Amino acid sequence: MTYAAEVLADNPVGFWALDETSGTTATDSSGNGLHGTYINTPTLAGATLGTLTGATFLDTSTEYVSL
């Protein structure tokens, strides 16, 4: 079972995988429609920063998801 499937099996109020590759919406995969908005243009999933790949990178002092 994948990590996302494990989390969703517990019926969370919200679950944001932060795996978008474009756009400004952080999709809530819980089914509750609690979508967020990426603030200050973080580097989205699929990008490469140094040796890290495939994740959304948030500089927590300026970039975040607003819910």
PDB file of N, CA and C in Angstrom:
ATOM      1  N   MET A   1       0.854  -1.171   0.000  1.00  0.00           N
ATOM      2  CA  MET A   1       0.000   0.000   0.000  1.00  0.00           C
ATOM      3  C   MET A   1       0.902   1.237   0.000  1.00  0.00           C
ATOM      4  N   THR A   2       0.518   2.251  -0.756  1.00  0.00           N
ATOM      5  CA  THR A   2       1.316   3.475  -0.819  1.00  0.00           C
ATOM      6  C   THR A   2       1.101   4.327   0.427  1.00  0.00           C
ATOM      7  N   TYR A   3       1.999   5.277   0.629  1.00  0.00           N
ATOM      8  CA  TYR A   3       1.868   6.191   1.765  1.00  0.00           C
ATOM      9  C   TYR A   3       0.537   6.930   1.702  1.00  0.00           C
ATOM     10  N   ALA A   4       0.199   7.465   0.525  1.00  0.00           N
ATOM     11  CA  ALA A   4      -1.062   8.196   0.382  1.00  0.00           C
ATOM     12  C   ALA A   4      -2.253   7.313   0.727  1.00  0.00           C
ATOM     13  N   ALA A   5      -2.243   6.061   0.280  1.00  0.00           N
ATOM     14  CA  ALA A   5      -3.345   5.143   0.579  1.00  0.00           C
ATOM     15  C   ALA A   5      -3.446   4.881   2.077  1.00  0.00           C
ATOM     16  N   GLU A   6      -2.299   4.762   2.743  1.00  0.00           N
ATOM     17  CA  GLU A   6      -2.288   4.548   4.196  1.00  0.00           C
ATOM     18  C   GLU A   6      -2.917   5.735   4.916  1.00  0.00           C
ATOM     19  N   VAL A   7      -2.537   6.934   4.523  1.00  0.00           N
ATOM     20  CA  VAL A   7      -3.082   8.146   5.149  1.00  0.00           C
ATOM     21  C   VAL A   7      -4.580   8.244   4.889  1.00  0.00           C
ATOM     22  N   LEU A   8      -4.981   8.078   3.642  1.00  0.00           N
ATOM     23  CA  LEU A   8      -6.397   8.214   3.279  1.00  0.00           C
ATOM     24  C   LEU A   8      -7.270   7.143   3.927  1.00  0.00           C
ATOM     25  N   ALA A   9      -6.708   5.987   4.248  1.00  0.00           N
ATOM     26  CA  ALA A   9      -7.461   4.928   4.917  1.00  0.00           C
ATOM     27  C   ALA A   9      -7.928   5.359   6.304  1.00  0.00           C
ATOM     28  N   ASP A  10      -7.267   6.362   6.894  1.00  0.00           N
ATOM     29  CA  ASP A  10      -7.647   6.870   8.215  1.00  0.00           C
ATOM     30  C   ASP A  10      -8.683   7.993   8.139  1.00  0.00           C
ATOM     31  N   ASN A  11      -9.195   8.280   6.938  1.00  0.00           N
ATOM     32  CA  ASN A  11     -10.210   9.325   6.733  1.00  0.00           C
ATOM     33  C   ASN A  11      -9.819  10.673   7.336  1.00  0.00           C
ATOM     34  N   PRO A  12      -8.692  11.247   6.900  1.00  0.00           N
ATOM     35  CA  PRO A  12      -8.267  12.536   7.446  1.00  0.00           C
ATOM     36  C   PRO A  12      -9.191  13.669   6.990  1.00  0.00           C
ATOM     37  N   VAL A  13      -9.184  14.752   7.715  1.00  0.00           N
ATOM     38  CA  VAL A  13      -9.948  15.940   7.329  1.00  0.00           C
ATOM     39  C   VAL A  13      -9.364  16.522   6.049  1.00  0.00           C
ATOM     40  N   GLY A  14      -8.052  16.468   5.919  1.00  0.00           N
ATOM     41  CA  GLY A  14      -7.381  16.958   4.723  1.00  0.00           C
ATOM     42  C   GLY A  14      -6.090  16.206   4.492  1.00  0.00           C
ATOM     43  N   PHE A  15      -5.704  16.081   3.227  1.00  0.00           N
ATOM     44  CA  PHE A  15      -4.427  15.463   2.885  1.00  0.00           C
ATOM     45  C   PHE A  15      -3.894  16.121   1.630  1.00  0.00           C
ATOM     46  N   TRP A  16      -2.758  16.764   1.775  1.00  0.00           N
ATOM     47  CA  TRP A  16      -2.133  17.479   0.681  1.00  0.00           C
ATOM     48  C   TRP A  16      -0.814  16.801   0.351  1.00  0.00           C
ATOM     49  N   ALA A  17      -0.748  16.109  -0.769  1.00  0.00           N
ATOM     50  CA  ALA A  17       0.465  15.398  -1.164  1.00  0.00           C
ATOM     51  C   ALA A  17       1.550  16.360  -1.633  1.00  0.00           C
ATOM     52  N   LEU A  18       1.156  17.578  -2.008  1.00  0.00           N
ATOM     53  CA  LEU A  18       2.086  18.590  -2.520  1.00  0.00           C
ATOM     54  C   LEU A  18       2.886  18.033  -3.692  1.00  0.00           C
ATOM     55  N   ASP A  19       2.178  17.328  -4.585  1.00  0.00           N
ATOM     56  CA  ASP A  19       2.835  16.711  -5.731  1.00  0.00           C
ATOM     57  C   ASP A  19       2.466  17.367  -7.064  1.00  0.00           C
ATOM     58  N   GLU A  20       1.893  18.555  -7.003  1.00  0.00           N
ATOM     59  CA  GLU A  20       1.552  19.271  -8.228  1.00  0.00           C
ATOM     60  C   GLU A  20       2.832  19.668  -8.962  1.00  0.00           C
ATOM     61  N   THR A  21       2.783  19.634 -10.276  1.00  0.00           N
ATOM     62  CA  THR A  21       3.944  20.028 -11.071  1.00  0.00           C
ATOM     63  C   THR A  21       3.778  21.400 -11.705  1.00  0.00           C
ATOM     64  N   SER A  22       2.578  21.986 -11.581  1.00  0.00           N
ATOM     65  CA  SER A  22       2.344  23.335 -12.098  1.00  0.00           C
ATOM     66  C   SER A  22       1.110  23.911 -11.413  1.00  0.00           C
ATOM     67  N   GLY A  23       0.904  25.200 -11.598  1.00  0.00           N
ATOM     68  CA  GLY A  23      -0.266  25.859 -11.054  1.00  0.00           C
ATOM     69  C   GLY A  23      -0.046  26.431  -9.664  1.00  0.00           C
ATOM     70  N   THR A  24      -1.141  26.880  -9.047  1.00  0.00           N
ATOM     71  CA  THR A  24      -1.065  27.519  -7.732  1.00  0.00           C
ATOM     72  C   THR A  24      -1.924  26.825  -6.691  1.00  0.00           C
ATOM     73  N   THR A  25      -2.568  25.705  -7.060  1.00  0.00           N
ATOM     74  CA  THR A  25      -3.459  25.015  -6.138  1.00  0.00           C
ATOM     75  C   THR A  25      -2.806  23.765  -5.554  1.00  0.00           C
ATOM     76  N   ALA A  26      -2.839  23.648  -4.224  1.00  0.00           N
ATOM     77  CA  ALA A  26      -2.413  22.437  -3.521  1.00  0.00           C
ATOM     78  C   ALA A  26      -3.689  21.627  -3.306  1.00  0.00           C
ATOM     79  N   THR A  27      -3.827  20.558  -4.034  1.00  0.00           N
ATOM     80  CA  THR A  27      -5.058  19.772  -4.039  1.00  0.00           C
ATOM     81  C   THR A  27      -5.209  18.928  -2.780  1.00  0.00           C
ATOM     82  N   ASP A  28      -6.393  19.006  -2.185  1.00  0.00           N
ATOM     83  CA  ASP A  28      -6.744  18.176  -1.030  1.00  0.00           C
ATOM     84  C   ASP A  28      -7.249  16.844  -1.552  1.00  0.00           C
ATOM     85  N   SER A  29      -6.508  15.782  -1.283  1.00  0.00           N
ATOM     86  CA  SER A  29      -6.875  14.446  -1.771  1.00  0.00           C
ATOM     87  C   SER A  29      -7.820  13.703  -0.843  1.00  0.00           C
ATOM     88  N   SER A  30      -8.244  14.339   0.256  1.00  0.00           N
ATOM     89  CA  SER A  30      -9.121  13.667   1.218  1.00  0.00           C
ATOM     90  C   SER A  30     -10.557  13.536   0.719  1.00  0.00           C
ATOM     91  N   GLY A  31     -10.898  14.328  -0.285  1.00  0.00           N
ATOM     92  CA  GLY A  31     -12.271  14.333  -0.776  1.00  0.00           C
ATOM     93  C   GLY A  31     -13.126  15.394  -0.100  1.00  0.00           C
ATOM     94  N   ASN A  32     -12.527  16.159   0.825  1.00  0.00           N
ATOM     95  CA  ASN A  32     -13.276  17.198   1.540  1.00  0.00           C
ATOM     96  C   ASN A  32     -13.176  18.581   0.910  1.00  0.00           C
ATOM     97  N   GLY A  33     -12.431  18.697  -0.181  1.00  0.00           N
ATOM     98  CA  GLY A  33     -12.368  19.950  -0.926  1.00  0.00           C
ATOM     99  C   GLY A  33     -11.637  21.079  -0.227  1.00  0.00           C
ATOM    100  N   LEU A  34     -10.721  20.763   0.663  1.00  0.00           N
ATOM    101  CA  LEU A  34      -9.980  21.794   1.395  1.00  0.00           C
ATOM    102  C   LEU A  34      -8.698  22.153   0.652  1.00  0.00           C
ATOM    103  N   HIS A  35      -8.846  22.572  -0.604  1.00  0.00           N
ATOM    104  CA  HIS A  35      -7.701  22.892  -1.437  1.00  0.00           C
ATOM    105  C   HIS A  35      -6.997  24.132  -0.907  1.00  0.00           C
ATOM    106  N   GLY A  36      -5.693  24.166  -1.099  1.00  0.00           N
ATOM    107  CA  GLY A  36      -4.904  25.302  -0.660  1.00  0.00           C
ATOM    108  C   GLY A  36      -4.325  26.048  -1.841  1.00  0.00           C
ATOM    109  N   THR A  37      -3.698  27.169  -1.551  1.00  0.00           N
ATOM    110  CA  THR A  37      -3.055  27.983  -2.570  1.00  0.00           C
ATOM    111  C   THR A  37      -1.582  28.133  -2.231  1.00  0.00           C
ATOM    112  N   TYR A  38      -0.721  27.818  -3.200  1.00  0.00           N
ATOM    113  CA  TYR A  38       0.711  28.035  -3.014  1.00  0.00           C
ATOM    114  C   TYR A  38       0.979  29.536  -2.999  1.00  0.00           C
ATOM    115  N   ILE A  39       1.735  29.990  -2.006  1.00  0.00           N
ATOM    116  CA  ILE A  39       2.051  31.406  -1.856  1.00  0.00           C
ATOM    117  C   ILE A  39       3.537  31.632  -2.137  1.00  0.00           C
ATOM    118  N   ASN A  40       3.834  32.658  -2.913  1.00  0.00           N
ATOM    119  CA  ASN A  40       5.195  33.094  -3.253  1.00  0.00           C
ATOM    120  C   ASN A  40       5.959  32.109  -4.128  1.00  0.00           C
ATOM    121  N   THR A  41       5.246  31.405  -4.993  1.00  0.00           N
ATOM    122  CA  THR A  41       5.824  30.582  -6.057  1.00  0.00           C
ATOM    123  C   THR A  41       6.904  29.602  -5.603  1.00  0.00           C
ATOM    124  N   PRO A  42       6.549  28.610  -4.789  1.00  0.00           N
ATOM    125  CA  PRO A  42       7.535  27.595  -4.413  1.00  0.00           C
ATOM    126  C   PRO A  42       7.911  26.731  -5.613  1.00  0.00           C
ATOM    127  N   THR A  43       9.004  26.010  -5.500  1.00  0.00           N
ATOM    128  CA  THR A  43       9.414  25.065  -6.534  1.00  0.00           C
ATOM    129  C   THR A  43       8.553  23.822  -6.379  1.00  0.00           C
ATOM    130  N   LEU A  44       7.755  23.525  -7.411  1.00  0.00           N
ATOM    131  CA  LEU A  44       6.800  22.419  -7.318  1.00  0.00           C
ATOM    132  C   LEU A  44       7.431  21.075  -7.643  1.00  0.00           C
ATOM    133  N   ALA A  45       6.706  20.005  -7.335  1.00  0.00           N
ATOM    134  CA  ALA A  45       7.167  18.625  -7.516  1.00  0.00           C
ATOM    135  C   ALA A  45       7.705  18.402  -8.920  1.00  0.00           C
ATOM    136  N   GLY A  46       8.651  17.514  -9.001  1.00  0.00           N
ATOM    137  CA  GLY A  46       9.251  17.193 -10.285  1.00  0.00           C
ATOM    138  C   GLY A  46      10.485  18.021 -10.569  1.00  0.00           C
ATOM    139  N   ALA A  47      10.675  19.080  -9.817  1.00  0.00           N
ATOM    140  CA  ALA A  47      11.849  19.925 -10.000  1.00  0.00           C
ATOM    141  C   ALA A  47      13.047  19.298  -9.296  1.00  0.00           C
ATOM    142  N   THR A  48      14.220  19.729  -9.675  1.00  0.00           N
ATOM    143  CA  THR A  48      15.444  19.249  -9.047  1.00  0.00           C
ATOM    144  C   THR A  48      16.152  20.422  -8.390  1.00  0.00           C
ATOM    145  N   LEU A  49      16.460  20.263  -7.116  1.00  0.00           N
ATOM    146  CA  LEU A  49      17.266  21.244  -6.384  1.00  0.00           C
ATOM    147  C   LEU A  49      18.442  20.481  -5.790  1.00  0.00           C
ATOM    148  N   GLY A  50      19.604  20.706  -6.332  1.00  0.00           N
ATOM    149  CA  GLY A  50      20.761  19.950  -5.870  1.00  0.00           C
ATOM    150  C   GLY A  50      20.559  18.472  -6.154  1.00  0.00           C
ATOM    151  N   THR A  51      20.627  17.645  -5.121  1.00  0.00           N
ATOM    152  CA  THR A  51      20.440  16.203  -5.298  1.00  0.00           C
ATOM    153  C   THR A  51      19.016  15.763  -5.005  1.00  0.00           C
ATOM    154  N   LEU A  52      18.132  16.693  -4.648  1.00  0.00           N
ATOM    155  CA  LEU A  52      16.745  16.363  -4.323  1.00  0.00           C
ATOM    156  C   LEU A  52      15.873  16.509  -5.554  1.00  0.00           C
ATOM    157  N   THR A  53      15.035  15.501  -5.812  1.00  0.00           N
ATOM    158  CA  THR A  53      14.131  15.558  -6.959  1.00  0.00           C
ATOM    159  C   THR A  53      12.750  15.053  -6.574  1.00  0.00           C
ATOM    160  N   GLY A  54      11.740  15.499  -7.313  1.00  0.00           N
ATOM    161  CA  GLY A  54      10.402  14.946  -7.190  1.00  0.00           C
ATOM    162  C   GLY A  54       9.560  15.431  -6.028  1.00  0.00           C
ATOM    163  N   ALA A  55       9.924  16.523  -5.406  1.00  0.00           N
ATOM    164  CA  ALA A  55       9.143  17.016  -4.277  1.00  0.00           C
ATOM    165  C   ALA A  55       8.905  18.506  -4.435  1.00  0.00           C
ATOM    166  N   THR A  56       7.930  19.021  -3.700  1.00  0.00           N
ATOM    167  CA  THR A  56       7.710  20.460  -3.655  1.00  0.00           C
ATOM    168  C   THR A  56       8.600  21.026  -2.565  1.00  0.00           C
ATOM    169  N   PHE A  57       9.310  22.081  -2.882  1.00  0.00           N
ATOM    170  CA  PHE A  57      10.233  22.693  -1.937  1.00  0.00           C
ATOM    171  C   PHE A  57       9.655  24.018  -1.460  1.00  0.00           C
ATOM    172  N   LEU A  58       9.443  24.134  -0.154  1.00  0.00           N
ATOM    173  CA  LEU A  58       8.908  25.352   0.443  1.00  0.00           C
ATOM    174  C   LEU A  58       9.962  25.983   1.335  1.00  0.00           C
ATOM    175  N   ASP A  59      10.285  27.251   1.064  1.00  0.00           N
ATOM    176  CA  ASP A  59      11.138  28.014   1.960  1.00  0.00           C
ATOM    177  C   ASP A  59      10.187  28.516   3.034  1.00  0.00           C
ATOM    178  N   THR A  60      10.197  27.903   4.186  1.00  0.00           N
ATOM    179  CA  THR A  60       9.157  28.147   5.190  1.00  0.00           C
ATOM    180  C   THR A  60       9.111  29.580   5.694  1.00  0.00           C
ATOM    181  N   SER A  61      10.114  30.380   5.409  1.00  0.00           N
ATOM    182  CA  SER A  61      10.037  31.769   5.854  1.00  0.00           C
ATOM    183  C   SER A  61       9.248  32.631   4.865  1.00  0.00           C
ATOM    184  N   THR A  62       9.129  32.192   3.604  1.00  0.00           N
ATOM    185  CA  THR A  62       8.420  33.017   2.623  1.00  0.00           C
ATOM    186  C   THR A  62       7.438  32.255   1.747  1.00  0.00           C
ATOM    187  N   GLU A  63       7.622  30.957   1.599  1.00  0.00           N
ATOM    188  CA  GLU A  63       6.756  30.161   0.725  1.00  0.00           C
ATOM    189  C   GLU A  63       5.967  29.168   1.568  1.00  0.00           C
ATOM    190  N   TYR A  64       4.674  29.067   1.277  1.00  0.00           N
ATOM    191  CA  TYR A  64       3.820  28.191   2.076  1.00  0.00           C
ATOM    192  C   TYR A  64       2.538  27.905   1.321  1.00  0.00           C
ATOM    193  N   VAL A  65       1.695  27.061   1.910  1.00  0.00           N
ATOM    194  CA  VAL A  65       0.368  26.780   1.368  1.00  0.00           C
ATOM    195  C   VAL A  65      -0.656  27.428   2.287  1.00  0.00           C
ATOM    196  N   SER A  66      -1.494  28.275   1.731  1.00  0.00           N
ATOM    197  CA  SER A  66      -2.564  28.927   2.493  1.00  0.00           C
ATOM    198  C   SER A  66      -3.835  28.103   2.347  1.00  0.00           C
ATOM    199  N   LEU A  67      -4.454  27.757   3.483  1.00  0.00           N
ATOM    200  CA  LEU A  67      -5.676  26.964   3.453  1.00  0.00           C
ATOM    201  C   LEU A  67      -6.877  27.796   3.829  1.00  0.00           C
TER     202      LEU A  67
END
